[in-house]
Amino acid sequence: MTWWQLVCLIVGIVGAFVAMPPIMRLIEGEDERHIEDAFRAMTPAQHLEAAKKLDAERKIFEAGAKVDERERIAAEERRRKAEEQKRSDEAAAAAMAIVLQANLKDLGYDVKVSASDLPGEVVITSEEFADTDHRVRFLAMMRGRKAPLGTCGFTRVRLRSSGLPRVGFNESYSLDCSS
């Protein structure tokens, strides 16, 4: 493209933007005059028919708005119930974790128990979990027939080592327990 063609293109674009608003006003004015002429040419019966048609369209629109409002209210109610259920589940998990911690302390384990962010998982922290043998015996006890009360409220256990230095031990295990 030559520089002259580029200049012509720019002048054409600028001219279109300058001329566009008056052209649009002229077109809109034509539409308004056309609508006004058509309105004046209508008979009283045609006016009544048009009014009935507009009223029917308004009722359909209002009915749709009412349905939308009911759907919005129902969605809000479902969201509120889901939040209540989540809070209830979190409170129940926290309570089960407290019971489990008390039962494990009664068995002689020095552990800290808390509910996980994941549903059905409990987090048990102890310095002794850095030792693999101790971890294996603990998991066997948790999965055994003499598991402490409160174990089967959870389906997974996450064992964490609280000793320093952290060896990076933070693993999740199944309790093989049907809850």
Foldseek 3Di string as FASTA:
>chain_A
DDVVVVVVVVVVVVVCVVPVVVVVVVVVVVVVVVVVVVVVPDDPVVVVVVVVVVVVVVVVVVVVVVVVVVVVVVVVVVVVVVVVVVVVQQVVQQVLQVQLVVQVVVVPDDWHWGPDPDRQEIEIEEQVVVDVVVVVVVLCCCLDPNHTPSSLSHQKYWYAHPDPPGPPRTDMDGSPHHD
